[in-house]
Amino acid sequence: MPEGAYTSDEMMTVAAARMIRNGVTLFVGIGLPSAAANLARLTHAPDTVLIYESGTIGAKPTVLPLSIGDGELSETADAVVSIPEIFSYWLQGGRIGLGFLGAAQIDKYANINSTVIGDYNKPKVRLPGSGGAQEIAGFCGEVLITLRQNNRAFVKKLDFLTSGGYFEGGDSREKLGLPGKGPTNVITDLGILTPDPETKELTLTSLHPGITVEQVVAATGWPLKVAPKLDVTAAPTAAELSVLRDLNERTARAHAGQA
């Protein structure tokens, strides 16, 4: 790859990592959220406390975990507690400031599906399911969501509602009494979407370098709203790319049994 070049996944991961504040207590999912969270921990946010739903608090993995049960998490954690404690005391007790989720599908109100593609009783694809995603979406102080943007993922109607963002929009989330403020940013490989302050409908607010509004609109399964003034996401720095690539290379070697 030419010097200074980067992939769309690297752009997405870096953009997501930058949104993690140093020192925040972060409930993180596996996959893209975990990559972004650990990139942040290894760069600008070393004091971030990573929590995985298996009960690990303050995990500092040297490679990205394959699942919440990966031994790398418990071996590098400050503490390991029971799953009921993680959810009842930490999450539902309002002690986690930020949740970070992935998804298979998302709609215009940042509701997500990670359960099935197709009819629930006869699905085309059976996905991992909620795990703790609905509780993370409901009880964390705020939520970040990251996924690749295309018409299969950004849909007008979810095949299954796994985790609620803003439900039907407007004040529907507040009416349900959920304490967390909900998703504050959706970071994709094309740009960044944020909920409208009133309607809560996702609005394109930032384009990644080299991406056009037309590309993002074409990759969205509903008429996407676009902010009057769009930002351009800063490209990944050499330092960010170096740390991310080193992390991914270590992970690949470890999972291949070569570490």
Protein backbone atom coordinates (compact mmCIF):
# COMPACT_ATOMS: atom_id res chain seq x y z
CA MET A 1 0.00 0.00 0.00
CA PRO A 2 1.48 3.42 -0.93
CA GLU A 3 2.69 5.59 1.94
CA GLY A 4 -0.16 7.62 3.38
CA ALA A 5 -2.80 5.33 1.86
CA TYR A 6 -5.41 3.61 4.01
CA THR A 7 -8.43 1.38 3.61
CA SER A 8 -12.05 2.37 4.23
CA ASP A 9 -12.13 0.07 7.27
CA GLU A 10 -9.05 1.80 8.68
CA MET A 11 -10.71 5.20 8.16
CA MET A 12 -13.84 3.98 9.94
CA THR A 13 -11.92 2.47 12.85
CA VAL A 14 -9.78 5.58 13.35
CA ALA A 15 -12.79 7.92 13.15
CA ALA A 16 -14.63 5.82 15.73
CA ALA A 17 -11.61 5.62 18.04
CA ARG A 18 -11.27 9.41 18.10
CA MET A 19 -14.74 9.70 19.66
CA ILE A 20 -13.65 7.85 22.79
CA ARG A 21 -12.75 10.25 25.60
CA ASN A 22 -9.80 9.43 27.81
CA GLY A 23 -10.89 8.03 31.16
CA VAL A 24 -14.39 7.02 30.11
CA THR A 25 -15.82 3.70 31.31
CA LEU A 26 -16.62 1.92 28.07
CA PHE A 27 -18.80 -1.17 27.51
CA VAL A 28 -17.50 -2.56 24.24
CA GLY A 29 -18.71 -5.19 21.78
CA ILE A 30 -16.63 -7.61 19.73
CA GLY A 31 -15.47 -6.82 16.17
CA LEU A 32 -15.21 -3.26 14.85
CA PRO A 33 -16.13 -1.67 18.22
CA SER A 34 -13.37 -3.62 19.95
CA ALA A 35 -10.80 -2.58 17.34
CA ALA A 36 -11.73 1.09 17.72
CA ALA A 37 -11.80 0.92 21.53
CA ASN A 38 -8.38 -0.69 21.74
CA LEU A 39 -6.93 1.73 19.19
CA ALA A 40 -8.13 4.59 21.39
CA ARG A 41 -6.62 2.93 24.48
CA LEU A 42 -3.28 2.56 22.71
CA THR A 43 -3.23 6.17 21.45
CA HIS A 44 -5.03 9.18 22.94
CA ALA A 45 -7.14 7.47 25.64
CA PRO A 46 -4.85 5.27 27.77
CA ASP A 47 -6.99 5.66 30.89
CA THR A 48 -10.17 4.35 29.27
CA VAL A 49 -11.65 1.44 31.25
CA LEU A 50 -12.75 -1.28 28.83
CA ILE A 51 -15.57 -3.52 30.04
CA TYR A 52 -16.69 -6.64 28.17
CA GLU A 53 -19.93 -8.41 29.03
CA SER A 54 -18.15 -11.57 30.19
CA GLY A 55 -17.31 -9.63 33.37
CA THR A 56 -13.85 -8.25 32.62
CA ILE A 57 -13.21 -4.74 33.94
CA GLY A 58 -10.20 -2.77 32.75
CA ALA A 59 -9.20 -5.27 30.07
CA LYS A 60 -5.98 -4.39 28.21
CA PRO A 61 -5.74 -7.02 25.49
CA THR A 62 -2.54 -7.21 23.47
CA VAL A 63 -4.54 -8.73 20.60
CA LEU A 64 -8.20 -8.29 19.66
CA PRO A 65 -10.46 -10.89 21.27
CA LEU A 66 -12.33 -13.41 19.16
CA SER A 67 -15.29 -13.35 21.56
CA ILE A 68 -16.29 -12.08 25.00
CA GLY A 69 -15.03 -15.39 26.37
CA ASP A 70 -11.51 -14.95 24.97
CA GLY A 71 -8.95 -15.63 27.72
CA GLU A 72 -6.98 -12.58 26.61
CA LEU A 73 -9.61 -10.40 28.28
CA SER A 74 -9.57 -11.99 31.73
CA GLU A 75 -5.78 -12.36 31.70
CA THR A 76 -5.27 -8.63 31.12
CA ALA A 77 -8.19 -7.24 33.18
CA ASP A 78 -7.96 -5.31 36.44
CA ALA A 79 -10.83 -7.42 37.77
CA VAL A 80 -13.21 -10.15 36.65
CA VAL A 81 -16.72 -10.23 38.10
CA SER A 82 -19.84 -12.23 37.39
CA ILE A 83 -22.08 -11.41 34.44
CA PRO A 84 -25.01 -10.55 36.77
CA GLU A 85 -22.78 -8.02 38.54
CA ILE A 86 -21.65 -6.44 35.26
CA PHE A 87 -25.24 -5.90 34.21
CA SER A 88 -27.07 -5.20 37.45
CA TYR A 89 -24.46 -3.21 39.39
CA TRP A 90 -22.32 -1.62 36.67
CA LEU A 91 -24.58 -1.18 33.66
CA GLN A 92 -28.08 -0.84 35.10
CA GLY A 93 -26.61 1.08 38.02
CA GLY A 94 -25.59 3.87 35.67
CA ARG A 95 -21.84 3.41 36.14
CA ILE A 96 -20.86 3.06 32.47
CA GLY A 97 -20.52 6.25 30.47
CA LEU A 98 -20.20 4.93 26.93
CA GLY A 99 -21.38 1.86 25.02
CA PHE A 100 -19.93 0.80 21.67
CA LEU A 101 -21.96 -1.48 19.40
CA GLY A 102 -21.85 -3.01 15.95
CA ALA A 103 -24.85 -4.21 13.97
CA ALA A 104 -26.01 -6.12 10.91
CA GLN A 105 -28.81 -3.63 10.15
CA ILE A 106 -29.68 -0.12 11.27
CA ASP A 107 -32.67 2.12 10.52
CA LYS A 108 -33.04 5.90 10.37
CA TYR A 109 -33.67 6.16 14.13
CA ALA A 110 -30.51 4.19 15.01
CA ASN A 111 -32.40 1.07 16.03
CA ILE A 112 -30.23 -1.97 15.27
CA ASN A 113 -30.64 -5.62 14.33
CA SER A 114 -28.10 -8.26 15.29
CA THR A 115 -30.51 -11.21 15.49
CA VAL A 116 -31.68 -12.44 12.06
CA ILE A 117 -31.74 -11.52 8.39
CA GLY A 118 -35.10 -12.44 6.90
CA ASP A 119 -38.14 -13.86 8.68
CA TYR A 120 -37.45 -14.70 12.31
CA ASN A 121 -38.93 -18.21 12.05
CA LYS A 122 -37.22 -19.00 8.74
CA PRO A 123 -34.25 -16.64 8.56
CA LYS A 124 -31.83 -16.36 5.68
CA VAL A 125 -29.09 -15.80 8.22
CA ARG A 126 -29.13 -16.43 11.97
CA LEU A 127 -26.92 -13.82 13.65
CA PRO A 128 -25.31 -13.89 17.14
CA GLY A 129 -28.29 -12.12 18.71
CA SER A 130 -28.52 -9.46 21.37
CA GLY A 131 -26.21 -10.68 24.08
CA GLY A 132 -26.03 -7.54 26.18
CA ALA A 133 -26.61 -5.13 23.29
CA GLN A 134 -30.12 -4.02 24.31
CA GLU A 135 -29.01 -3.31 27.86
CA ILE A 136 -25.96 -1.41 26.57
CA ALA A 137 -28.21 0.61 24.24
CA GLY A 138 -30.63 1.36 27.06
CA PHE A 139 -28.43 2.04 30.08
CA CYS A 140 -25.04 3.42 28.97
CA GLY A 141 -24.68 7.19 29.25
CA GLU A 142 -24.39 7.35 25.47
CA VAL A 143 -23.77 4.92 22.62
CA LEU A 144 -21.58 4.80 19.53
CA ILE A 145 -22.46 2.48 16.63
CA THR A 146 -20.12 1.45 13.85
CA LEU A 147 -20.83 -0.60 10.72
CA ARG A 148 -20.12 -0.57 6.99
CA GLN A 149 -22.64 1.45 5.00
CA ASN A 150 -24.63 -0.17 2.21
CA ASN A 151 -28.26 -0.84 1.29
CA ARG A 152 -28.26 -4.23 3.01
CA ALA A 153 -27.22 -2.71 6.33
CA PHE A 154 -28.92 0.72 6.23
CA VAL A 155 -32.53 -0.33 5.76
CA LYS A 156 -35.94 1.34 5.80
CA LYS A 157 -37.31 -1.40 8.09
CA LEU A 158 -35.31 -3.78 10.26
CA ASP A 159 -35.89 -7.51 9.87
CA PHE A 160 -35.77 -7.68 13.68
CA LEU A 161 -35.36 -4.97 16.31
CA THR A 162 -32.63 -6.20 18.64
CA SER A 163 -31.56 -2.96 20.34
CA GLY A 164 -33.45 0.30 20.51
CA GLY A 165 -31.92 3.58 19.52
CA TYR A 166 -34.64 6.21 19.21
CA PHE A 167 -37.44 3.76 18.37
CA GLU A 168 -40.03 5.79 16.41
CA GLY A 169 -38.11 9.06 16.72
CA GLY A 170 -38.93 12.23 18.61
CA ASP A 171 -39.45 11.61 22.32
CA SER A 172 -40.37 7.91 21.98
CA ARG A 173 -37.20 6.84 23.78
CA GLU A 174 -37.89 9.11 26.76
CA LYS A 175 -41.46 7.82 26.99
CA LEU A 176 -40.08 4.33 27.51
CA GLY A 177 -38.08 5.58 30.48
CA LEU A 178 -34.66 4.46 29.28
CA PRO A 179 -32.01 6.34 31.29
CA GLY A 180 -29.23 6.50 28.68
CA LYS A 181 -29.28 9.31 26.11
CA GLY A 182 -28.98 6.81 23.22
CA PRO A 183 -26.77 6.76 20.14
CA THR A 184 -24.82 9.97 19.62
CA ASN A 185 -22.87 8.98 16.49
CA VAL A 186 -22.99 6.30 13.82
CA ILE A 187 -19.57 5.87 12.23
CA THR A 188 -19.38 4.11 8.87
CA ASP A 189 -16.79 3.53 6.17
CA LEU A 190 -18.25 6.49 4.26
CA GLY A 191 -18.92 9.13 6.91
CA ILE A 192 -20.49 10.02 10.24
CA LEU A 193 -24.20 10.31 10.98
CA THR A 194 -25.70 11.99 14.03
CA PRO A 195 -29.31 12.12 15.24
CA ASP A 196 -31.31 15.28 14.62
CA PRO A 197 -31.83 17.03 17.98
CA GLU A 198 -35.62 17.07 17.58
CA THR A 199 -36.69 14.22 15.30
CA LYS A 200 -33.75 11.91 16.19
CA GLU A 201 -33.49 10.90 12.53
CA LEU A 202 -29.94 10.10 11.50
CA THR A 203 -28.37 12.93 9.49
CA LEU A 204 -25.12 12.87 7.53
CA THR A 205 -22.81 15.38 9.21
CA SER A 206 -19.32 14.38 8.05
CA LEU A 207 -17.85 12.79 4.93
CA HIS A 208 -14.66 10.77 4.97
CA PRO A 209 -11.97 12.03 2.55
CA GLY A 210 -12.73 11.26 -1.08
CA ILE A 211 -16.38 10.29 -0.41
CA THR A 212 -19.27 12.18 -2.00
CA VAL A 213 -22.76 12.86 -0.66
CA GLU A 214 -24.13 10.91 -3.64
CA GLN A 215 -22.21 7.81 -2.58
CA VAL A 216 -23.59 7.94 0.95
CA VAL A 217 -27.16 8.57 -0.20
CA ALA A 218 -26.92 5.65 -2.66
CA ALA A 219 -25.71 3.37 0.16
CA THR A 220 -28.70 4.19 2.39
CA GLY A 221 -32.04 2.42 2.20
CA TRP A 222 -34.09 5.48 3.12
CA PRO A 223 -34.03 9.13 1.90
CA LEU A 224 -31.01 10.25 3.91
CA LYS A 225 -31.02 13.72 5.43
CA VAL A 226 -27.84 15.73 4.89
CA ALA A 227 -26.64 18.54 7.13
CA PRO A 228 -26.52 21.99 5.43
CA LYS A 229 -22.84 22.24 6.28
CA LEU A 230 -20.86 19.02 6.04
CA ASP A 231 -17.57 18.41 7.80
CA VAL A 232 -14.78 16.37 6.26
CA THR A 233 -13.33 13.75 8.58
CA ALA A 234 -9.60 14.17 9.14
CA ALA A 235 -7.62 11.41 7.43
CA PRO A 236 -5.83 8.90 9.65
CA THR A 237 -2.40 10.02 10.79
CA ALA A 238 0.70 7.94 10.25
CA ALA A 239 0.83 7.27 14.00
CA GLU A 240 -2.79 6.08 14.15
CA LEU A 241 -2.29 3.78 11.16
CA SER A 242 0.92 2.36 12.59
CA VAL A 243 -0.71 1.44 15.92
CA LEU A 244 -3.83 0.00 14.26
CA ARG A 245 -1.88 -2.09 11.74
CA ASP A 246 0.45 -3.40 14.42
CA LEU A 247 -2.58 -4.39 16.52
CA ASN A 248 -4.22 -6.15 13.56
CA GLU A 249 -1.01 -7.95 12.61
CA ARG A 250 -0.46 -9.20 16.18
CA THR A 251 -4.07 -10.34 16.28
CA ALA A 252 -3.77 -12.23 12.98
CA ARG A 253 -0.59 -14.00 14.15
CA ALA A 254 -2.11 -14.91 17.51
CA HIS A 255 -5.30 -16.31 16.04
CA ALA A 256 -3.27 -18.31 13.54
CA GLY A 257 -1.28 -19.80 16.40
CA GLN A 258 1.92 -18.03 15.38
CA ALA A 259 2.33 -15.63 18.31
